C-alpha atoms as a PDB file:
ATOM      1  CA  MET A   1     112.323  81.428 100.651  1.00  0.00           C
ATOM      2  CA  THR A   2     110.062  78.918 100.575  1.00  0.00           C
ATOM      3  CA  ASN A   3     106.220  78.583 102.225  1.00  0.00           C
ATOM      4  CA  ASN A   4     107.435  75.212 103.363  1.00  0.00           C
ATOM      5  CA  ASP A   5     111.210  76.755 104.680  1.00  0.00           C
ATOM      6  CA  SER A   6     109.207  79.514 106.829  1.00  0.00           C
ATOM      7  CA  THR A   7     106.897  77.163 107.999  1.00  0.00           C
ATOM      8  CA  THR A   8     109.184  74.887 109.270  1.00  0.00           C
ATOM      9  CA  ILE A   9     111.340  77.927 110.735  1.00  0.00           C
ATOM     10  CA  PHE A  10     108.597  79.010 113.024  1.00  0.00           C
ATOM     11  CA  LYS A  11     107.779  75.448 113.887  1.00  0.00           C
ATOM     12  CA  LYS A  12     110.072  75.833 115.956  1.00  0.00           C
ATOM     13  CA  SER A  13     110.820  78.325 118.418  1.00  0.00           C
ATOM     14  CA  LEU A  14     112.501  81.139 118.072  1.00  0.00           C
ATOM     15  CA  THR A  15     116.825  81.107 119.296  1.00  0.00           C
ATOM     16  CA  SER A  16     117.498  81.994 122.412  1.00  0.00           C
ATOM     17  CA  GLN A  17     119.736  84.689 120.601  1.00  0.00           C
ATOM     18  CA  GLN A  18     116.791  85.796 118.570  1.00  0.00           C
ATOM     19  CA  VAL A  19     115.204  86.405 121.987  1.00  0.00           C
ATOM     20  CA  ASP A  20     117.856  87.609 123.781  1.00  0.00           C
ATOM     21  CA  TYR A  21     118.318  91.325 120.715  1.00  0.00           C
ATOM     22  CA  TYR A  22     114.714  91.382 120.822  1.00  0.00           C
ATOM     23  CA  SER A  23     115.200  92.207 124.378  1.00  0.00           C
ATOM     24  CA  ASP A  24     118.434  93.975 124.724  1.00  0.00           C
ATOM     25  CA  ASN A  25     117.349  95.935 121.807  1.00  0.00           C
ATOM     26  CA  GLY A  26     113.667  96.337 121.768  1.00  0.00           C
ATOM     27  CA  PHE A  27     113.435  94.773 118.065  1.00  0.00           C
ATOM     28  CA  LEU A  28     113.692  91.864 116.080  1.00  0.00           C
ATOM     29  CA  LEU A  29     113.482  91.254 111.984  1.00  0.00           C
ATOM     30  CA  ILE A  30     112.856  87.696 110.447  1.00  0.00           C
ATOM     31  CA  ASN A  31     113.016  87.857 106.999  1.00  0.00           C
ATOM     32  CA  ASP A  32     111.192  86.415 103.992  1.00  0.00           C
ATOM     33  CA  VAL A  33     107.604  84.405 106.822  1.00  0.00           C
ATOM     34  CA  PHE A  34     105.480  84.909 103.929  1.00  0.00           C
ATOM     35  CA  ASP A  35     106.570  83.448 100.301  1.00  0.00           C
ATOM     36  CA  HIS A  36     105.446  86.305  97.188  1.00  0.00           C
ATOM     37  CA  GLU A  37     102.258  84.764  96.253  1.00  0.00           C
ATOM     38  CA  GLU A  38     101.100  85.414 100.447  1.00  0.00           C
ATOM     39  CA  VAL A  39     102.728  88.810  99.427  1.00  0.00           C
ATOM     40  CA  ASN A  40     100.357  89.559  96.502  1.00  0.00           C
ATOM     41  CA  LYS A  41      97.342  87.706  98.138  1.00  0.00           C
ATOM     42  CA  LEU A  42      97.099  90.677 101.176  1.00  0.00           C
ATOM     43  CA  LEU A  43      97.812  93.063  99.133  1.00  0.00           C
ATOM     44  CA  LYS A  44      94.851  92.275  97.055  1.00  0.00           C
ATOM     45  CA  SER A  45      93.166  92.803 100.169  1.00  0.00           C
ATOM     46  CA  VAL A  46      94.530  95.706 101.573  1.00  0.00           C
ATOM     47  CA  ASN A  47      93.568  96.502  97.513  1.00  0.00           C
ATOM     48  CA  ASP A  48      89.942  95.502  98.099  1.00  0.00           C
ATOM     49  CA  SER A  49      89.337  97.447 101.749  1.00  0.00           C
ATOM     50  CA  ILE A  50      91.045 100.348  99.904  1.00  0.00           C
ATOM     51  CA  PHE A  51      88.040 100.179  97.504  1.00  0.00           C
ATOM     52  CA  ASP A  52      85.688  99.141  99.943  1.00  0.00           C
ATOM     53  CA  GLN A  53      86.105 102.256 101.932  1.00  0.00           C
ATOM     54  CA  LYS A  54      85.962 105.393  99.457  1.00  0.00           C
ATOM     55  CA  SER A  55      83.000 103.557  98.108  1.00  0.00           C
ATOM     56  CA  GLY A  56      81.137 102.936 100.860  1.00  0.00           C
ATOM     57  CA  ASN A  57      81.224  99.495 100.501  1.00  0.00           C
ATOM     58  CA  LYS A  58      81.696  99.207 104.238  1.00  0.00           C
ATOM     59  CA  ASN A  59      82.263 101.059 107.127  1.00  0.00           C
ATOM     60  CA  LEU A  60      85.036 101.227 109.374  1.00  0.00           C
ATOM     61  CA  GLU A  61      83.391 103.782 111.492  1.00  0.00           C
ATOM     62  CA  GLY A  62      85.953 106.325 111.758  1.00  0.00           C
ATOM     63  CA  GLY A  63      88.791 103.421 111.361  1.00  0.00           C
ATOM     64  CA  LEU A  64      89.556 105.050 108.119  1.00  0.00           C
ATOM     65  CA  ILE A  65      91.927 108.094 108.283  1.00  0.00           C
ATOM     66  CA  LEU A  66      93.856 110.034 105.100  1.00  0.00           C
ATOM     67  CA  GLU A  67      96.546 112.165 104.858  1.00  0.00           C
ATOM     68  CA  GLU A  68      95.872 115.819 104.960  1.00  0.00           C
ATOM     69  CA  ASP A  69      95.940 116.577 101.472  1.00  0.00           C
ATOM     70  CA  LYS A  70      92.182 114.773 102.028  1.00  0.00           C
ATOM     71  CA  THR A  71      93.194 111.518  99.192  1.00  0.00           C
ATOM     72  CA  THR A  72      95.636 110.059  99.713  1.00  0.00           C
ATOM     73  CA  VAL A  73      94.268 107.098 102.513  1.00  0.00           C
ATOM     74  CA  ARG A  74      97.366 107.014 105.870  1.00  0.00           C
ATOM     75  CA  THR A  75      95.365 104.393 107.615  1.00  0.00           C
ATOM     76  CA  MET A  76      92.585 102.098 108.346  1.00  0.00           C
ATOM     77  CA  ASN A  77      91.901 100.317 111.700  1.00  0.00           C
ATOM     78  CA  GLY A  78      90.367  97.601 112.900  1.00  0.00           C
ATOM     79  CA  LEU A  79      90.059  95.742 109.747  1.00  0.00           C
ATOM     80  CA  HIS A  80      90.431  92.124 111.474  1.00  0.00           C
ATOM     81  CA  PHE A  81      86.610  93.368 112.925  1.00  0.00           C
ATOM     82  CA  GLU A  82      85.278  93.852 109.211  1.00  0.00           C
ATOM     83  CA  TYR A  83      87.232  91.055 107.029  1.00  0.00           C
ATOM     84  CA  GLU A  84      87.801  87.847 107.367  1.00  0.00           C
ATOM     85  CA  VAL A  85      91.348  87.342 105.798  1.00  0.00           C
ATOM     86  CA  PHE A  86      92.513  89.334 108.516  1.00  0.00           C
ATOM     87  CA  SER A  87      90.654  87.791 111.580  1.00  0.00           C
ATOM     88  CA  LYS A  88      92.302  84.787 110.519  1.00  0.00           C
ATOM     89  CA  LEU A  89      95.961  86.434 109.791  1.00  0.00           C
ATOM     90  CA  CYS A  90      95.833  87.102 113.789  1.00  0.00           C
ATOM     91  CA  CYS A  91      96.103  83.503 114.640  1.00  0.00           C
ATOM     92  CA  HIS A  92      98.249  82.750 111.755  1.00  0.00           C
ATOM     93  CA  PRO A  93     100.971  80.425 113.590  1.00  0.00           C
ATOM     94  CA  ARG A  94     104.133  82.560 111.794  1.00  0.00           C
ATOM     95  CA  LEU A  95     102.939  85.864 113.320  1.00  0.00           C
ATOM     96  CA  LEU A  96     101.270  84.307 116.928  1.00  0.00           C
ATOM     97  CA  PHE A  97     103.841  81.629 118.158  1.00  0.00           C
ATOM     98  CA  PRO A  98     106.880  84.030 117.847  1.00  0.00           C
ATOM     99  CA  THR A  99     105.167  86.450 119.563  1.00  0.00           C
ATOM    100  CA  GLN A 100     103.956  84.172 122.475  1.00  0.00           C
ATOM    101  CA  GLN A 101     107.681  83.546 122.842  1.00  0.00           C
ATOM    102  CA  ILE A 102     108.805  86.954 122.958  1.00  0.00           C
ATOM    103  CA  LEU A 103     106.241  87.440 125.156  1.00  0.00           C
ATOM    104  CA  SER A 104     106.328  84.712 127.809  1.00  0.00           C
ATOM    105  CA  ASN A 105     102.749  83.863 127.633  1.00  0.00           C
ATOM    106  CA  ASP A 106     100.593  82.075 125.280  1.00  0.00           C
ATOM    107  CA  SER A 107      97.188  84.129 126.483  1.00  0.00           C
ATOM    108  CA  LEU A 108      96.932  87.447 123.669  1.00  0.00           C
ATOM    109  CA  TYR A 109      94.252  88.725 122.534  1.00  0.00           C
ATOM    110  CA  VAL A 110      94.768  91.954 119.071  1.00  0.00           C
ATOM    111  CA  TYR A 111      94.922  94.780 121.379  1.00  0.00           C
ATOM    112  CA  GLN A 112      95.029  97.139 117.953  1.00  0.00           C
ATOM    113  CA  PHE A 113      95.156  95.718 113.788  1.00  0.00           C
ATOM    114  CA  LYS A 114      95.961  98.580 110.952  1.00  0.00           C
ATOM    115  CA  ILE A 115      97.946  99.228 107.499  1.00  0.00           C
ATOM    116  CA  ASN A 116      99.646 101.592 107.417  1.00  0.00           C
ATOM    117  CA  ILE A 117     100.376 103.444 104.037  1.00  0.00           C
ATOM    118  CA  LYS A 118     102.816 105.621 102.594  1.00  0.00           C
ATOM    119  CA  GLU A 119     101.612 106.344  98.899  1.00  0.00           C
ATOM    120  CA  ALA A 120     104.370 106.937  96.764  1.00  0.00           C
ATOM    121  CA  PHE A 121     105.223 110.748  96.635  1.00  0.00           C
ATOM    122  CA  THR A 122     102.639 111.417  99.141  1.00  0.00           C
ATOM    123  CA  GLY A 123     102.679 109.353 102.352  1.00  0.00           C
ATOM    124  CA  ASP A 124     103.186 111.936 105.191  1.00  0.00           C
ATOM    125  CA  VAL A 125     105.560 111.458 108.582  1.00  0.00           C
ATOM    126  CA  TRP A 126     105.237 110.064 111.604  1.00  0.00           C
ATOM    127  CA  GLU A 127     106.932 111.693 114.165  1.00  0.00           C
ATOM    128  CA  TRP A 128     109.136 110.141 116.840  1.00  0.00           C
ATOM    129  CA  HIS A 129     106.972 108.835 119.684  1.00  0.00           C
ATOM    130  CA  GLN A 130     105.997 105.676 121.826  1.00  0.00           C
ATOM    131  CA  ASP A 131     102.876 103.661 121.097  1.00  0.00           C
ATOM    132  CA  TYR A 132     103.029 102.719 124.860  1.00  0.00           C
ATOM    133  CA  ILE A 133     101.895 106.508 125.797  1.00  0.00           C
ATOM    134  CA  TYR A 134      99.009 106.335 123.662  1.00  0.00           C
ATOM    135  CA  TRP A 135      98.459 103.091 124.954  1.00  0.00           C
ATOM    136  CA  LEU A 136      98.531 104.569 128.507  1.00  0.00           C
ATOM    137  CA  LYS A 137      96.668 107.918 128.169  1.00  0.00           C
ATOM    138  CA  GLY A 138      94.107 106.476 125.336  1.00  0.00           C
ATOM    139  CA  ASP A 139      93.268 102.987 127.083  1.00  0.00           C
ATOM    140  CA  GLY A 140      94.515 103.173 130.789  1.00  0.00           C
ATOM    141  CA  ILE A 141      96.551  99.753 129.571  1.00  0.00           C
ATOM    142  CA  PRO A 142      98.199  99.227 132.799  1.00  0.00           C
ATOM    143  CA  GLU A 143     102.491  98.137 131.579  1.00  0.00           C
ATOM    144  CA  SER A 144     103.911  98.346 128.917  1.00  0.00           C
ATOM    145  CA  LYS A 145     103.385  94.672 127.412  1.00  0.00           C
ATOM    146  CA  GLY A 146     102.712  94.550 124.582  1.00  0.00           C
ATOM    147  CA  VAL A 147     104.069  93.887 121.254  1.00  0.00           C
ATOM    148  CA  SER A 148     104.153  95.494 117.708  1.00  0.00           C
ATOM    149  CA  LEU A 149     104.262  92.889 114.938  1.00  0.00           C
ATOM    150  CA  VAL A 150     104.785  94.640 111.239  1.00  0.00           C
ATOM    151  CA  ILE A 151     104.399  92.614 107.923  1.00  0.00           C
ATOM    152  CA  PHE A 152     105.817  94.332 105.129  1.00  0.00           C
ATOM    153  CA  LEU A 153     104.214  93.910 101.931  1.00  0.00           C
ATOM    154  CA  ASP A 154     106.319  95.794  99.739  1.00  0.00           C
ATOM    155  CA  ASP A 155     110.265  96.022  99.755  1.00  0.00           C
ATOM    156  CA  ILE A 156     111.855  98.154 101.931  1.00  0.00           C
ATOM    157  CA  THR A 157     115.258  99.921 100.546  1.00  0.00           C
ATOM    158  CA  GLU A 158     116.828 103.384 102.071  1.00  0.00           C
ATOM    159  CA  PHE A 159     114.353 104.824 100.043  1.00  0.00           C
ATOM    160  CA  ASN A 160     110.443 104.914 100.946  1.00  0.00           C
ATOM    161  CA  ALA A 161     110.561 106.083 104.054  1.00  0.00           C
ATOM    162  CA  PRO A 162     111.455 103.117 106.411  1.00  0.00           C
ATOM    163  CA  LEU A 163     110.915 102.827 109.583  1.00  0.00           C
ATOM    164  CA  MET A 164     114.174 104.278 112.112  1.00  0.00           C
ATOM    165  CA  LEU A 165     113.820 102.670 115.307  1.00  0.00           C
ATOM    166  CA  ILE A 166     117.020 104.010 118.360  1.00  0.00           C
ATOM    167  CA  PRO A 167     117.729 100.244 119.086  1.00  0.00           C
ATOM    168  CA  GLY A 168     117.881  99.829 122.923  1.00  0.00           C
ATOM    169  CA  SER A 169     115.144 103.313 123.286  1.00  0.00           C
ATOM    170  CA  HIS A 170     112.803 100.990 125.120  1.00  0.00           C
ATOM    171  CA  LYS A 171     115.061 100.424 128.297  1.00  0.00           C
ATOM    172  CA  LEU A 172     114.216 103.676 128.833  1.00  0.00           C
ATOM    173  CA  GLY A 173     110.266 103.286 129.886  1.00  0.00           C
ATOM    174  CA  LEU A 174     107.815 105.320 129.340  1.00  0.00           C
ATOM    175  CA  ILE A 175     108.778 109.148 128.374  1.00  0.00           C
ATOM    176  CA  ASP A 176     105.882 110.902 129.832  1.00  0.00           C
ATOM    177  CA  VAL A 177     104.918 114.442 127.932  1.00  0.00           C
ATOM    178  CA  ASP A 178     102.083 116.716 127.500  1.00  0.00           C
ATOM    179  CA  PRO A 179      99.702 116.434 125.044  1.00  0.00           C
ATOM    180  CA  ARG A 180     100.374 118.702 122.085  1.00  0.00           C
ATOM    181  CA  GLU A 181      97.359 121.251 122.180  1.00  0.00           C
ATOM    182  CA  GLU A 182      94.753 120.276 119.509  1.00  0.00           C
ATOM    183  CA  VAL A 183      93.914 122.362 116.963  1.00  0.00           C
ATOM    184  CA  SER A 184      90.577 123.571 114.332  1.00  0.00           C
ATOM    185  CA  ASP A 185      90.282 121.797 112.076  1.00  0.00           C
ATOM    186  CA  PHE A 186      88.938 118.441 113.951  1.00  0.00           C
ATOM    187  CA  SER A 187      85.711 118.093 115.276  1.00  0.00           C
ATOM    188  CA  GLN A 188      84.758 117.986 118.444  1.00  0.00           C
ATOM    189  CA  ASP A 189      83.910 113.990 118.517  1.00  0.00           C
ATOM    190  CA  GLU A 190      87.428 113.056 116.510  1.00  0.00           C
ATOM    191  CA  LYS A 191      88.575 115.803 118.909  1.00  0.00           C
ATOM    192  CA  SER A 192      89.654 112.941 121.386  1.00  0.00           C
ATOM    193  CA  TRP A 193      90.795 110.194 119.326  1.00  0.00           C
ATOM    194  CA  MET A 194      91.942 111.883 116.195  1.00  0.00           C
ATOM    195  CA  ARG A 195      94.767 113.487 117.638  1.00  0.00           C
ATOM    196  CA  PHE A 196      96.310 109.263 118.218  1.00  0.00           C
ATOM    197  CA  VAL A 197      96.860 108.632 114.233  1.00  0.00           C
ATOM    198  CA  ALA A 198      97.641 112.076 111.881  1.00  0.00           C
ATOM    199  CA  ALA A 199     100.859 113.409 111.430  1.00  0.00           C
ATOM    200  CA  LYS A 200     100.930 115.612 113.866  1.00  0.00           C
ATOM    201  CA  LEU A 201     100.832 113.499 117.209  1.00  0.00           C
ATOM    202  CA  GLN A 202      99.836 114.033 120.438  1.00  0.00           C
ATOM    203  CA  TYR A 203     102.574 112.900 122.727  1.00  0.00           C
ATOM    204  CA  PRO A 204     105.651 113.659 120.024  1.00  0.00           C
ATOM    205  CA  ALA A 205     108.917 112.026 121.891  1.00  0.00           C
ATOM    206  CA  PRO A 206     110.783 115.555 122.405  1.00  0.00           C
ATOM    207  CA  LYS A 207     114.038 116.371 121.083  1.00  0.00           C
ATOM    208  CA  GLU A 208     116.052 116.687 122.968  1.00  0.00           C
ATOM    209  CA  VAL A 209     115.872 113.024 124.550  1.00  0.00           C
ATOM    210  CA  VAL A 210     115.679 112.193 120.647  1.00  0.00           C
ATOM    211  CA  SER A 211     118.960 113.630 119.727  1.00  0.00           C
ATOM    212  CA  LYS A 212     120.070 112.398 123.783  1.00  0.00           C
ATOM    213  CA  LEU A 213     119.840 108.649 122.836  1.00  0.00           C
ATOM    214  CA  ALA A 214     120.437 109.067 119.063  1.00  0.00           C
ATOM    215  CA  GLU A 215     123.888 110.356 119.831  1.00  0.00           C
ATOM    216  CA  GLU A 216     124.436 107.407 122.380  1.00  0.00           C
ATOM    217  CA  LYS A 217     122.864 104.636 120.491  1.00  0.00           C
ATOM    218  CA  GLY A 218     122.578 105.465 117.236  1.00  0.00           C
ATOM    219  CA  ILE A 219     119.332 105.142 114.593  1.00  0.00           C
ATOM    220  CA  VAL A 220     118.550 101.500 112.710  1.00  0.00           C
ATOM    221  CA  ALA A 221     116.569 101.521 109.315  1.00  0.00           C
ATOM    222  CA  PRO A 222     115.684  97.932 108.595  1.00  0.00           C
ATOM    223  CA  LYS A 223     115.789  97.183 105.021  1.00  0.00           C
ATOM    224  CA  CYS A 224     114.624  94.112 103.863  1.00  0.00           C
ATOM    225  CA  ARG A 225     112.406  92.407 101.120  1.00  0.00           C
ATOM    226  CA  LYS A 226     108.096  92.332 101.365  1.00  0.00           C
ATOM    227  CA  GLY A 227     107.148  89.478 103.304  1.00  0.00           C
ATOM    228  CA  SER A 228     109.481  90.013 106.025  1.00  0.00           C
ATOM    229  CA  ILE A 229     107.843  91.112 109.679  1.00  0.00           C
ATOM    230  CA  LEU A 230     109.333  93.284 112.367  1.00  0.00           C
ATOM    231  CA  PHE A 231     108.772  92.950 115.825  1.00  0.00           C
ATOM    232  CA  PHE A 232     108.796  95.801 118.293  1.00  0.00           C
ATOM    233  CA  HIS A 233     108.289  97.172 121.572  1.00  0.00           C
ATOM    234  CA  GLY A 234     106.052  99.471 123.230  1.00  0.00           C
ATOM    235  CA  ASP A 235     108.534 101.884 124.678  1.00  0.00           C
ATOM    236  CA  MET A 236     110.330 101.880 120.879  1.00  0.00           C
ATOM    237  CA  LEU A 237     111.042 105.406 119.931  1.00  0.00           C
ATOM    238  CA  HIS A 238     110.495 105.075 116.311  1.00  0.00           C
ATOM    239  CA  ALA A 239     109.383 106.991 113.603  1.00  0.00           C
ATOM    240  CA  SER A 240     109.824 107.059 109.427  1.00  0.00           C
ATOM    241  CA  ALA A 241     109.899 110.545 107.566  1.00  0.00           C
ATOM    242  CA  GLY A 242     107.656 111.186 104.355  1.00  0.00           C
ATOM    243  CA  ASN A 243     107.128 109.374 101.219  1.00  0.00           C
ATOM    244  CA  ILE A 244     108.697 111.338  97.641  1.00  0.00           C
ATOM    245  CA  SER A 245     109.918 108.206  96.420  1.00  0.00           C
ATOM    246  CA  PRO A 246     107.737 106.229  93.347  1.00  0.00           C
ATOM    247  CA  PHE A 247     107.490 103.453  95.315  1.00  0.00           C
ATOM    248  CA  PRO A 248     104.652 102.623  98.096  1.00  0.00           C
ATOM    249  CA  ARG A 249     105.051 101.170 101.478  1.00  0.00           C
ATOM    250  CA  ARG A 250     102.397  99.556 102.515  1.00  0.00           C
ATOM    251  CA  SER A 251     102.513  97.477 105.886  1.00  0.00           C
ATOM    252  CA  ILE A 252      99.836  95.198 108.149  1.00  0.00           C
ATOM    253  CA  PHE A 253     100.406  96.121 111.751  1.00  0.00           C
ATOM    254  CA  ILE A 254      99.539  93.870 114.939  1.00  0.00           C
ATOM    255  CA  THR A 255      99.552  94.585 118.101  1.00  0.00           C
ATOM    256  CA  TYR A 256      99.524  91.456 121.107  1.00  0.00           C
ATOM    257  CA  ASN A 257      98.660  92.591 123.747  1.00  0.00           C
ATOM    258  CA  PRO A 258      98.348  89.997 127.400  1.00  0.00           C
ATOM    259  CA  VAL A 259      94.489  89.283 128.143  1.00  0.00           C
ATOM    260  CA  SER A 260      95.961  90.308 131.388  1.00  0.00           C
ATOM    261  CA  ASN A 261      97.288  93.640 131.288  1.00  0.00           C
ATOM    262  CA  VAL A 262      94.303  95.571 130.925  1.00  0.00           C
ATOM    263  CA  ASP A 263      92.126  97.763 132.962  1.00  0.00           C
ATOM    264  CA  LEU A 264      88.277  96.968 132.273  1.00  0.00           C
ATOM    265  CA  ASN A 265      87.445  99.838 134.994  1.00  0.00           C
ATOM    266  CA  PHE A 266      88.645 102.530 132.244  1.00  0.00           C
ATOM    267  CA  ILE A 267      86.451 105.256 131.597  1.00  0.00           C
ATOM    268  CA  ASN A 268      86.126 106.405 128.146  1.00  0.00           C
ATOM    269  CA  PRO A 269      88.686 104.474 126.182  1.00  0.00           C
ATOM    270  CA  ARG A 270      88.912 104.874 122.084  1.00  0.00           C
ATOM    271  CA  PRO A 271      86.692 103.399 119.704  1.00  0.00           C
ATOM    272  CA  HIS A 272      86.875  99.712 119.429  1.00  0.00           C
ATOM    273  CA  PHE A 273      88.721  99.912 116.211  1.00  0.00           C
ATOM    274  CA  LEU A 274      91.415 101.565 117.538  1.00  0.00           C
ATOM    275  CA  SER A 275      91.163  99.775 121.363  1.00  0.00           C
ATOM    276  CA  SER A 276      89.653  96.238 120.996  1.00  0.00           C
ATOM    277  CA  ARG A 277      87.632  95.215 124.308  1.00  0.00           C
ATOM    278  CA  ASP A 278      87.203  91.411 123.233  1.00  0.00           C
ATOM    279  CA  LEU A 279      90.537  89.591 125.009  1.00  0.00           C
ATOM    280  CA  THR A 280      89.196  86.246 123.381  1.00  0.00           C
ATOM    281  CA  PRO A 281      92.839  83.986 124.027  1.00  0.00           C
ATOM    282  CA  LEU A 282      94.285  83.947 120.535  1.00  0.00           C
ATOM    283  CA  SER A 283      94.639  80.110 118.595  1.00  0.00           C
ATOM    284  CA  ALA A 284      96.738  79.793 115.833  1.00  0.00           C
ATOM    285  CA  THR A 285      94.997  78.301 112.795  1.00  0.00           C
ATOM    286  CA  THR A 286      96.345  76.469 110.731  1.00  0.00           C
ATOM    287  CA  ASP A 287      99.724  78.004 108.544  1.00  0.00           C
ATOM    288  CA  CYS A 288      98.123  77.342 105.006  1.00  0.00           C
ATOM    289  CA  ILE A 289      95.538  80.254 105.898  1.00  0.00           C
ATOM    290  CA  LEU A 290      96.512  82.287 103.491  1.00  0.00           C
ATOM    291  CA  LYS A 291      96.836  80.257 100.223  1.00  0.00           C
ATOM    292  CA  THR A 292      93.434  80.140 100.403  1.00  0.00           C
ATOM    293  CA  ILE A 293      92.604  83.666  99.469  1.00  0.00           C
ATOM    294  CA  GLY A 294      91.504  84.760  95.981  1.00  0.00           C
END
C-alpha cells in the first residue's frame, strides 16, 4: 500500500464495522498504515534515541528500562518529550483521527508514550495483565476510557514474540488484584514505579482468570507487516513471550486518554515519563510529517 493510499483511508472515517469490531473484541488491527520508507525513518529515530540514552547524550530521567541482563533495552518511556519526531507522530492524522472515532471524543491527550524493544534472542516476557489497573493505581485515572495504539516497526510473525490478546476480555472490566511483593533489587526511589515496567509486573492477572477466559474466548496473536497498527482497550488481557527468535520485534506504543478522564487531585502520580500531566488537547498535523525526517 502506498502512502497516498493509506492517507486516503484515514481521511475517511473508520467503517462502522471496524468500530463495532473494536467494541466487541477490545482490539482492532489495521494493516499497512505506514509504508516502508516511513517505517525505516521511524526505526532510524528509535535507534538514534537508543544510542543517545546509552551514550548519555540525552537523559530520560529514568525512562530508559533495561532487561534483567542490565544491557538489553526493554522500554524507553516519554520519548515524545525529548524528540520532535515522536511528539509530531502522536498528532499524525492516521493515528489521531481513528482514535478519536473509537473513543467518540475529539479532546484527547497523550497519556503515555513508550517504545518496547523485543530484541532478538534476549527480549524478555510481558506477563498477562491489564493496563488499566496501572493507570488507576499509579495515576488515579478515573475510568478505563483510554486506548493504546501500537505501531509495529517489524513484521510480526509467530516467531518474534507477538502480542497475545484474549478477545472480548475487556468486557470483564477491571480485575482488581493485590500488588506483588517488592523485591530487593530495586532502590527505594525506584520501588514506587519500577514494578510497572519490569519483567515481573506489580499487578499480573491471576492465572486462573486467564485460563478461564482463554478457554472461553481463545487467544489471538495478530500477525502483520511492519507499518501496521493495533488499537486495544485498557481492560484487554494481553501478554507476550520471550523472544528467542533471531528476529527483533520493535513497537511504538501511544496511549491516548480523554482530557476529561483525569483526577488532578491524585496524590503522588508516577513520574511524568510514565504519566504525562500535559493535558493539552491534540490537533492533527499534516499527513506527510514522516517524509521530512532524515
